C-alpha atoms as a PDB file:
ATOM      1  CA  MET A   1     114.391  15.724 289.347  1.00  0.00           C
ATOM      2  CA  SER A   2     111.188  17.218 290.704  1.00  0.00           C
ATOM      3  CA  LYS A   3     108.165  15.015 291.221  1.00  0.00           C
ATOM      4  CA  LYS A   4     105.581  15.357 288.477  1.00  0.00           C
ATOM      5  CA  ILE A   5     101.899  15.340 289.349  1.00  0.00           C
ATOM      6  CA  ALA A   6      99.188  13.947 287.089  1.00  0.00           C
ATOM      7  CA  LEU A   7      95.545  14.839 287.664  1.00  0.00           C
ATOM      8  CA  MET A   8      92.684  12.501 286.840  1.00  0.00           C
ATOM      9  CA  VAL A   9      89.120  13.817 287.044  1.00  0.00           C
ATOM     10  CA  ALA A  10      86.195  11.442 287.466  1.00  0.00           C
ATOM     11  CA  GLU A  11      82.504  12.025 286.927  1.00  0.00           C
ATOM     12  CA  LYS A  12      81.607  11.720 290.612  1.00  0.00           C
ATOM     13  CA  PRO A  13      83.343  11.249 294.001  1.00  0.00           C
ATOM     14  CA  SER A  14      82.603   7.524 294.307  1.00  0.00           C
ATOM     15  CA  VAL A  15      84.233   6.882 290.922  1.00  0.00           C
ATOM     16  CA  ALA A  16      87.267   8.982 291.875  1.00  0.00           C
ATOM     17  CA  LYS A  17      87.729   6.925 295.034  1.00  0.00           C
ATOM     18  CA  ALA A  18      87.299   3.633 293.146  1.00  0.00           C
ATOM     19  CA  VAL A  19      89.816   4.643 290.453  1.00  0.00           C
ATOM     20  CA  ALA A  20      92.364   5.799 293.041  1.00  0.00           C
ATOM     21  CA  THR A  21      91.942   2.601 295.060  1.00  0.00           C
ATOM     22  CA  LEU A  22      92.266   0.380 292.002  1.00  0.00           C
ATOM     23  CA  LEU A  23      95.350   2.139 290.608  1.00  0.00           C
ATOM     24  CA  SER A  24      97.096   2.466 293.976  1.00  0.00           C
ATOM     25  CA  ASN A  25      96.587  -1.252 294.651  1.00  0.00           C
ATOM     26  CA  LYS A  26      98.017  -2.048 291.230  1.00  0.00           C
ATOM     27  CA  ALA A  27     101.064   0.083 292.077  1.00  0.00           C
ATOM     28  CA  ASN A  28     101.287  -1.411 295.586  1.00  0.00           C
ATOM     29  CA  LYS A  29     101.127   2.086 297.095  1.00  0.00           C
ATOM     30  CA  PRO A  30      98.786   3.450 299.774  1.00  0.00           C
ATOM     31  CA  VAL A  31      96.166   5.996 298.727  1.00  0.00           C
ATOM     32  CA  ARG A  32      95.626   9.013 300.953  1.00  0.00           C
ATOM     33  CA  SER A  33      93.010  11.717 300.979  1.00  0.00           C
ATOM     34  CA  ILE A  34      94.546  15.193 300.805  1.00  0.00           C
ATOM     35  CA  PHE A  35      93.196  18.699 301.351  1.00  0.00           C
ATOM     36  CA  SER A  36      90.438  19.767 299.006  1.00  0.00           C
ATOM     37  CA  LYS A  37      88.687  23.125 298.868  1.00  0.00           C
ATOM     38  CA  SER A  38      85.417  21.261 298.303  1.00  0.00           C
ATOM     39  CA  LYS A  39      83.984  18.987 300.960  1.00  0.00           C
ATOM     40  CA  TYR A  40      81.992  17.292 298.194  1.00  0.00           C
ATOM     41  CA  ASN A  41      84.931  16.489 295.916  1.00  0.00           C
ATOM     42  CA  PRO A  42      87.796  14.878 297.829  1.00  0.00           C
ATOM     43  CA  VAL A  43      91.259  14.528 296.299  1.00  0.00           C
ATOM     44  CA  PHE A  44      92.975  11.142 296.502  1.00  0.00           C
ATOM     45  CA  GLU A  45      96.746  10.984 296.047  1.00  0.00           C
ATOM     46  CA  PHE A  46      99.278   8.182 295.643  1.00  0.00           C
ATOM     47  CA  GLU A  47     102.588   7.385 293.981  1.00  0.00           C
ATOM     48  CA  TYR A  48     102.164   5.403 290.807  1.00  0.00           C
ATOM     49  CA  MET A  49     104.470   2.919 289.139  1.00  0.00           C
ATOM     50  CA  PRO A  50     107.700   4.413 287.758  1.00  0.00           C
ATOM     51  CA  ILE A  51     107.646   5.449 284.129  1.00  0.00           C
ATOM     52  CA  ILE A  52     110.327   6.743 281.762  1.00  0.00           C
ATOM     53  CA  ASN A  53     111.722  10.136 282.858  1.00  0.00           C
ATOM     54  CA  ASN A  54     109.566  10.090 285.994  1.00  0.00           C
ATOM     55  CA  PRO A  55     110.675   7.546 288.596  1.00  0.00           C
ATOM     56  CA  ASN A  56     107.943   8.385 291.138  1.00  0.00           C
ATOM     57  CA  PRO A  57     104.947   9.992 289.470  1.00  0.00           C
ATOM     58  CA  LEU A  58     102.333  11.311 291.857  1.00  0.00           C
ATOM     59  CA  LEU A  59      98.718  10.790 290.805  1.00  0.00           C
ATOM     60  CA  ARG A  60      95.828  12.831 292.135  1.00  0.00           C
ATOM     61  CA  VAL A  61      92.270  11.752 291.474  1.00  0.00           C
ATOM     62  CA  THR A  62      89.267  13.986 292.111  1.00  0.00           C
ATOM     63  CA  SER A  63      85.780  14.548 290.755  1.00  0.00           C
ATOM     64  CA  VAL A  64      83.448  17.255 289.548  1.00  0.00           C
ATOM     65  CA  SER A  65      80.005  18.387 290.643  1.00  0.00           C
ATOM     66  CA  GLY A  66      77.116  19.734 288.647  1.00  0.00           C
ATOM     67  CA  HIS A  67      76.303  19.688 284.974  1.00  0.00           C
ATOM     68  CA  PHE A  68      77.218  21.784 281.976  1.00  0.00           C
ATOM     69  CA  MET A  69      73.909  23.115 280.755  1.00  0.00           C
ATOM     70  CA  ALA A  70      74.657  26.055 278.500  1.00  0.00           C
ATOM     71  CA  ILE A  71      78.196  25.695 277.196  1.00  0.00           C
ATOM     72  CA  GLU A  72      78.521  25.473 273.444  1.00  0.00           C
ATOM     73  CA  PHE A  73      81.858  23.996 272.456  1.00  0.00           C
ATOM     74  CA  PRO A  74      83.131  24.617 268.933  1.00  0.00           C
ATOM     75  CA  GLU A  75      82.415  21.719 266.561  1.00  0.00           C
ATOM     76  CA  ILE A  76      86.064  20.580 266.621  1.00  0.00           C
ATOM     77  CA  TYR A  77      85.695  19.755 270.344  1.00  0.00           C
ATOM     78  CA  GLN A  78      82.484  17.780 269.915  1.00  0.00           C
ATOM     79  CA  ASN A  79      84.346  14.836 268.419  1.00  0.00           C
ATOM     80  CA  TRP A  80      85.399  11.859 270.571  1.00  0.00           C
ATOM     81  CA  ASN A  81      88.391  11.256 268.295  1.00  0.00           C
ATOM     82  CA  ILE A  82      90.315  14.450 269.066  1.00  0.00           C
ATOM     83  CA  ASN A  83      94.034  13.994 268.479  1.00  0.00           C
ATOM     84  CA  ALA A  84      95.231  17.209 270.092  1.00  0.00           C
ATOM     85  CA  ILE A  85      94.327  16.535 273.740  1.00  0.00           C
ATOM     86  CA  LYS A  86      96.153  19.688 274.895  1.00  0.00           C
ATOM     87  CA  GLU A  87      93.677  21.727 272.887  1.00  0.00           C
ATOM     88  CA  LEU A  88      90.859  20.618 275.193  1.00  0.00           C
ATOM     89  CA  PHE A  89      92.468  22.468 278.096  1.00  0.00           C
ATOM     90  CA  LYS A  90      92.379  25.751 276.187  1.00  0.00           C
ATOM     91  CA  THR A  91      88.582  25.794 275.845  1.00  0.00           C
END
């Protein structure tokens, strides 16, 4: 079975590092910084606790920079109670 990778994106680099450190400590796994195309947004990687159908999930945590100033999302995406999470990735 191939290793599955989950990506978590935080609001800023310090939060990404804190989340990665917290979750990796909970899983008893070391966190490592891996290559990132942005020197401002590092990527932290670690193996997380085994889950069903994925014995060694790999988590990557990074952050974003800047602000969205002029993007108008359709009304359906302006609701915090969206049930179809996959739909958010299509916008």
